[in-house]
C-alpha cells in the first residue's frame, strides 16, 4: 500500500513562550491506502482524535511518502544485501563498514 502523511493549517500552536500564538501547519498522522482518499479514511479510523478535536478532514493536506514501487524496490535491495552479507564473514563486513565511514 502507498503511505501518506497528512497535515493541516487549521488551528494554532504555542511556542515555548506561551504568550504568543503561532500560525503553522500541524501533522495529524500517517495513513496507508491504495490512494490518498483511502489513506485519509484509514488515518481517521486509526486516529479518531482528529475528528474529536474538530479538524475538518476535507481541509487536510496529504502528501505521498512511499509508493508500492518504492517499497518493492527497498525489499528487493534488502534481499540482495542480505544475500551478500551471507557470503561475507564478520571481519569482511567490519572492514567494509570501516571503509564506508572513511569514504563519507
N, C-alpha and C. Protein backbone atom coordinates (compact mmCIF):
# COMPACT_ATOMS: atom_id res chain seq x y z
N UNK A 1 0.83 -1.19 0.00
CA UNK A 1 0.00 0.00 0.00
C UNK A 1 0.87 1.25 0.00
N UNK A 2 0.33 2.30 -0.52
CA UNK A 2 1.04 3.58 -0.52
C UNK A 2 0.89 4.24 0.84
N UNK A 3 1.90 4.98 1.24
CA UNK A 3 1.87 5.65 2.55
C UNK A 3 1.84 7.16 2.35
N UNK A 4 0.98 7.83 3.11
CA UNK A 4 0.81 9.28 3.02
C UNK A 4 0.98 9.92 4.39
N UNK A 5 1.40 11.17 4.39
CA UNK A 5 1.42 11.96 5.62
C UNK A 5 0.33 13.02 5.45
N UNK A 6 -0.39 13.29 6.53
CA UNK A 6 -1.49 14.27 6.47
C UNK A 6 -1.22 15.39 7.47
N UNK A 7 -1.45 16.60 7.01
CA UNK A 7 -1.27 17.76 7.88
C UNK A 7 -2.34 18.79 7.56
N UNK A 8 -2.44 19.79 8.41
CA UNK A 8 -3.46 20.81 8.25
C UNK A 8 -2.92 22.17 8.68
N UNK A 9 -3.51 23.20 8.13
CA UNK A 9 -3.18 24.56 8.54
C UNK A 9 -4.21 25.07 9.55
N UNK A 10 -5.16 24.23 9.89
CA UNK A 10 -6.18 24.63 10.89
C UNK A 10 -5.55 24.70 12.27
N UNK A 11 -6.10 25.54 13.10
CA UNK A 11 -5.67 25.61 14.49
C UNK A 11 -4.42 26.44 14.69
N UNK A 12 -4.02 26.51 15.92
CA UNK A 12 -2.82 27.26 16.32
C UNK A 12 -1.96 26.39 17.21
N UNK A 13 -0.71 26.73 17.29
CA UNK A 13 0.17 26.07 18.24
C UNK A 13 0.81 27.15 19.10
N UNK A 14 1.39 26.73 20.20
CA UNK A 14 2.02 27.67 21.11
C UNK A 14 3.50 27.37 21.21
N UNK A 15 4.33 28.41 21.10
CA UNK A 15 5.77 28.23 21.23
C UNK A 15 6.14 28.12 22.71
N UNK A 16 7.41 27.85 22.99
CA UNK A 16 7.83 27.78 24.39
C UNK A 16 7.43 29.02 25.20
N UNK A 17 7.50 30.21 24.57
CA UNK A 17 6.98 31.41 25.22
C UNK A 17 5.50 31.46 24.92
N UNK A 18 4.68 30.99 25.84
CA UNK A 18 3.26 30.79 25.59
C UNK A 18 2.45 32.07 25.47
N UNK A 19 3.10 33.23 25.51
CA UNK A 19 2.35 34.47 25.39
C UNK A 19 2.07 34.82 23.92
N UNK A 20 2.53 33.99 22.99
CA UNK A 20 2.30 34.23 21.57
C UNK A 20 1.69 33.00 20.93
N UNK A 21 0.85 33.24 19.91
CA UNK A 21 0.31 32.15 19.11
C UNK A 21 1.09 32.08 17.80
N UNK A 22 1.23 30.88 17.30
CA UNK A 22 1.97 30.69 16.06
C UNK A 22 1.04 30.02 15.05
N UNK A 23 0.92 30.64 13.88
CA UNK A 23 0.15 30.02 12.81
C UNK A 23 1.10 29.17 12.00
N UNK A 24 0.85 27.87 11.96
CA UNK A 24 1.67 26.98 11.16
C UNK A 24 0.89 25.72 10.86
N UNK A 25 1.51 24.77 10.23
CA UNK A 25 0.86 23.50 9.91
C UNK A 25 1.09 22.51 11.04
N UNK A 26 0.12 21.62 11.19
CA UNK A 26 0.24 20.57 12.20
C UNK A 26 0.14 19.22 11.52
N UNK A 27 1.06 18.34 11.83
CA UNK A 27 1.00 16.99 11.30
C UNK A 27 -0.06 16.22 12.09
N UNK A 28 -0.98 15.60 11.36
CA UNK A 28 -2.03 14.83 12.01
C UNK A 28 -1.69 13.35 12.09
N UNK A 29 -0.90 12.89 11.13
CA UNK A 29 -0.51 11.49 11.17
C UNK A 29 -0.25 10.93 9.79
N UNK A 30 -0.03 9.62 9.76
CA UNK A 30 0.22 8.93 8.50
C UNK A 30 -0.89 7.91 8.27
N UNK A 31 -1.17 7.67 7.00
CA UNK A 31 -2.17 6.67 6.64
C UNK A 31 -1.73 5.93 5.40
N UNK A 32 -2.16 4.68 5.30
CA UNK A 32 -1.82 3.85 4.14
C UNK A 32 -3.09 3.52 3.37
N UNK A 33 -2.94 3.43 2.07
CA UNK A 33 -4.06 3.07 1.21
C UNK A 33 -3.62 3.00 -0.23
N UNK A 34 -4.52 2.53 -1.08
CA UNK A 34 -4.19 2.45 -2.49
C UNK A 34 -4.14 3.83 -3.13
N UNK A 35 -4.81 4.80 -2.49
CA UNK A 35 -4.78 6.19 -2.96
C UNK A 35 -4.94 7.11 -1.75
N UNK A 36 -4.88 8.42 -2.01
CA UNK A 36 -4.92 9.39 -0.90
C UNK A 36 -6.25 9.34 -0.15
N UNK A 37 -7.34 9.14 -0.85
CA UNK A 37 -8.66 9.11 -0.20
C UNK A 37 -8.75 7.94 0.77
N UNK A 38 -8.33 6.77 0.32
CA UNK A 38 -8.36 5.59 1.19
C UNK A 38 -7.41 5.76 2.36
N UNK A 39 -6.24 6.33 2.12
CA UNK A 39 -5.27 6.54 3.20
C UNK A 39 -5.84 7.51 4.24
N UNK A 40 -6.55 8.56 3.79
CA UNK A 40 -7.16 9.53 4.72
C UNK A 40 -8.22 8.84 5.56
N UNK A 41 -9.03 8.00 4.93
CA UNK A 41 -10.06 7.25 5.67
C UNK A 41 -9.42 6.35 6.72
N UNK A 42 -8.31 5.69 6.36
CA UNK A 42 -7.61 4.82 7.31
C UNK A 42 -6.99 5.63 8.45
N UNK A 43 -6.50 6.83 8.14
CA UNK A 43 -5.96 7.71 9.19
C UNK A 43 -7.05 8.01 10.22
N UNK A 44 -8.23 8.37 9.73
CA UNK A 44 -9.34 8.72 10.65
C UNK A 44 -9.76 7.51 11.48
N UNK A 45 -9.74 6.32 10.90
CA UNK A 45 -10.07 5.11 11.66
C UNK A 45 -9.05 4.87 12.77
N UNK A 46 -7.77 5.09 12.44
CA UNK A 46 -6.69 4.83 13.40
C UNK A 46 -6.53 5.97 14.41
N UNK A 47 -6.91 7.18 14.02
CA UNK A 47 -6.74 8.36 14.88
C UNK A 47 -8.04 9.13 14.99
N UNK A 48 -9.04 8.59 15.68
CA UNK A 48 -10.33 9.28 15.77
C UNK A 48 -10.24 10.64 16.46
N UNK A 49 -9.15 10.89 17.18
CA UNK A 49 -8.98 12.18 17.86
C UNK A 49 -8.96 13.34 16.86
N UNK A 50 -8.60 13.05 15.59
CA UNK A 50 -8.55 14.11 14.58
C UNK A 50 -9.94 14.75 14.45
N UNK A 51 -10.97 13.92 14.35
CA UNK A 51 -12.34 14.44 14.27
C UNK A 51 -12.81 14.96 15.63
N UNK A 52 -12.46 14.24 16.69
CA UNK A 52 -12.87 14.64 18.03
C UNK A 52 -12.36 16.03 18.40
N UNK A 53 -11.19 16.40 17.88
CA UNK A 53 -10.61 17.72 18.15
C UNK A 53 -11.16 18.80 17.23
N UNK A 54 -12.00 18.40 16.27
CA UNK A 54 -12.66 19.39 15.41
C UNK A 54 -11.96 19.70 14.11
N UNK A 55 -10.94 18.93 13.75
CA UNK A 55 -10.28 19.18 12.47
C UNK A 55 -11.21 18.77 11.33
N UNK A 56 -11.22 19.56 10.26
CA UNK A 56 -12.04 19.28 9.09
C UNK A 56 -11.23 18.38 8.16
N UNK A 57 -11.69 17.15 7.99
CA UNK A 57 -10.97 16.18 7.17
C UNK A 57 -10.77 16.69 5.75
N UNK A 58 -11.72 17.47 5.26
CA UNK A 58 -11.61 17.99 3.89
C UNK A 58 -10.55 19.07 3.76
N UNK A 59 -10.08 19.60 4.89
CA UNK A 59 -9.04 20.63 4.88
C UNK A 59 -7.64 20.05 5.04
N UNK A 60 -7.55 18.74 5.27
CA UNK A 60 -6.24 18.14 5.45
C UNK A 60 -5.50 18.07 4.12
N UNK A 61 -4.21 18.13 4.20
CA UNK A 61 -3.35 18.04 3.02
C UNK A 61 -2.60 16.73 3.12
N UNK A 62 -2.64 15.94 2.06
CA UNK A 62 -1.96 14.66 2.04
C UNK A 62 -0.81 14.67 1.04
N UNK A 63 0.31 14.15 1.45
CA UNK A 63 1.48 14.02 0.58
C UNK A 63 1.96 12.58 0.65
N UNK A 64 2.20 12.00 -0.52
CA UNK A 64 2.64 10.62 -0.57
C UNK A 64 4.09 10.51 -0.14
N UNK A 65 4.35 9.56 0.77
CA UNK A 65 5.70 9.32 1.26
C UNK A 65 6.35 8.13 0.58
N UNK A 66 5.62 7.03 0.53
CA UNK A 66 6.16 5.79 -0.01
C UNK A 66 5.15 5.19 -0.97
N UNK A 67 5.63 4.80 -2.14
CA UNK A 67 4.78 4.14 -3.13
C UNK A 67 5.00 2.63 -3.06
N UNK A 68 4.07 1.90 -3.65
CA UNK A 68 4.24 0.44 -3.70
C UNK A 68 5.52 0.08 -4.43
N UNK A 69 5.82 0.80 -5.53
CA UNK A 69 7.03 0.51 -6.30
C UNK A 69 8.29 0.75 -5.47
N UNK A 70 8.32 1.85 -4.72
CA UNK A 70 9.49 2.14 -3.88
C UNK A 70 9.65 1.07 -2.80
N UNK A 71 8.54 0.69 -2.18
CA UNK A 71 8.60 -0.32 -1.13
C UNK A 71 9.13 -1.65 -1.71
N UNK A 72 8.67 -2.02 -2.91
CA UNK A 72 9.14 -3.25 -3.56
C UNK A 72 10.63 -3.16 -3.86
N UNK A 73 11.07 -1.99 -4.32
CA UNK A 73 12.49 -1.80 -4.62
C UNK A 73 13.34 -1.92 -3.37
N UNK A 74 12.88 -1.34 -2.28
CA UNK A 74 13.60 -1.42 -1.00
C UNK A 74 13.70 -2.87 -0.54
N UNK A 75 12.59 -3.61 -0.65
CA UNK A 75 12.59 -5.01 -0.23
C UNK A 75 13.54 -5.84 -1.10
N UNK A 76 13.54 -5.56 -2.41
CA UNK A 76 14.42 -6.30 -3.32
C UNK A 76 15.88 -6.02 -2.99
N UNK A 77 16.21 -4.75 -2.77
CA UNK A 77 17.58 -4.40 -2.42
C UNK A 77 17.99 -4.97 -1.08
N UNK A 78 17.06 -5.01 -0.15
CA UNK A 78 17.34 -5.58 1.17
C UNK A 78 17.69 -7.07 1.04
N UNK A 79 16.97 -7.77 0.17
CA UNK A 79 17.25 -9.19 -0.04
C UNK A 79 18.64 -9.38 -0.65
N UNK A 80 19.00 -8.48 -1.57
CA UNK A 80 20.33 -8.56 -2.18
C UNK A 80 21.41 -8.33 -1.14
N UNK A 81 21.20 -7.36 -0.28
CA UNK A 81 22.18 -7.06 0.78
C UNK A 81 22.29 -8.25 1.73
N UNK A 82 21.14 -8.83 2.11
CA UNK A 82 21.17 -9.99 3.00
C UNK A 82 21.97 -11.13 2.37
N UNK A 83 21.77 -11.35 1.07
CA UNK A 83 22.49 -12.41 0.37
C UNK A 83 23.99 -12.14 0.38
N UNK A 84 24.37 -10.90 0.04
CA UNK A 84 25.79 -10.55 0.01
C UNK A 84 26.43 -10.69 1.39
N UNK A 85 25.70 -10.27 2.43
CA UNK A 85 26.23 -10.40 3.78
C UNK A 85 26.42 -11.86 4.16
N UNK A 86 25.56 -12.74 3.63
CA UNK A 86 25.70 -14.16 3.96
C UNK A 86 26.97 -14.74 3.34
N UNK A 87 27.48 -14.10 2.29
CA UNK A 87 28.71 -14.58 1.64
C UNK A 87 29.97 -14.08 2.34
N UNK A 88 29.82 -13.01 3.09
CA UNK A 88 30.97 -12.41 3.75
C UNK A 88 31.07 -12.88 5.20
N UNK A 89 32.28 -12.88 5.73
CA UNK A 89 32.42 -13.18 7.15
C UNK A 89 32.41 -11.86 7.93
N UNK A 90 32.35 -11.95 9.24
CA UNK A 90 32.24 -10.75 10.08
C UNK A 90 33.39 -9.78 9.85
N UNK A 91 34.60 -10.29 9.73
CA UNK A 91 35.76 -9.43 9.52
C UNK A 91 35.62 -8.62 8.23
N UNK A 92 35.17 -9.27 7.17
CA UNK A 92 35.00 -8.57 5.90
C UNK A 92 33.92 -7.48 6.00
N UNK A 93 32.86 -7.79 6.70
CA UNK A 93 31.78 -6.80 6.88
C UNK A 93 32.30 -5.61 7.68
N UNK A 94 33.05 -5.88 8.75
CA UNK A 94 33.61 -4.80 9.57
C UNK A 94 34.57 -3.93 8.75
N UNK A 95 35.39 -4.56 7.91
CA UNK A 95 36.31 -3.80 7.06
C UNK A 95 35.54 -2.93 6.07
N UNK A 96 34.48 -3.47 5.53
CA UNK A 96 33.67 -2.70 4.59
C UNK A 96 33.05 -1.48 5.29
N UNK A 97 32.49 -1.69 6.47
CA UNK A 97 31.87 -0.59 7.22
C UNK A 97 32.90 0.49 7.55
N UNK A 98 34.11 0.05 7.93
CA UNK A 98 35.17 1.00 8.24
C UNK A 98 35.54 1.79 6.99
N UNK A 99 35.64 1.12 5.85
CA UNK A 99 35.95 1.78 4.58
C UNK A 99 34.85 2.78 4.22
N UNK A 100 33.59 2.41 4.44
CA UNK A 100 32.47 3.30 4.15
C UNK A 100 32.53 4.57 5.01
N UNK A 101 32.92 4.41 6.27
CA UNK A 101 32.96 5.57 7.17
C UNK A 101 34.05 6.54 6.73
N UNK A 102 35.17 6.04 6.21
CA UNK A 102 36.23 6.93 5.70
C UNK A 102 35.78 7.63 4.43
N UNK A 103 34.99 6.94 3.64
CA UNK A 103 34.54 7.46 2.36
C UNK A 103 33.60 8.67 2.56
N UNK A 104 32.82 8.65 3.63
CA UNK A 104 31.86 9.72 3.89
C UNK A 104 32.59 10.88 4.47
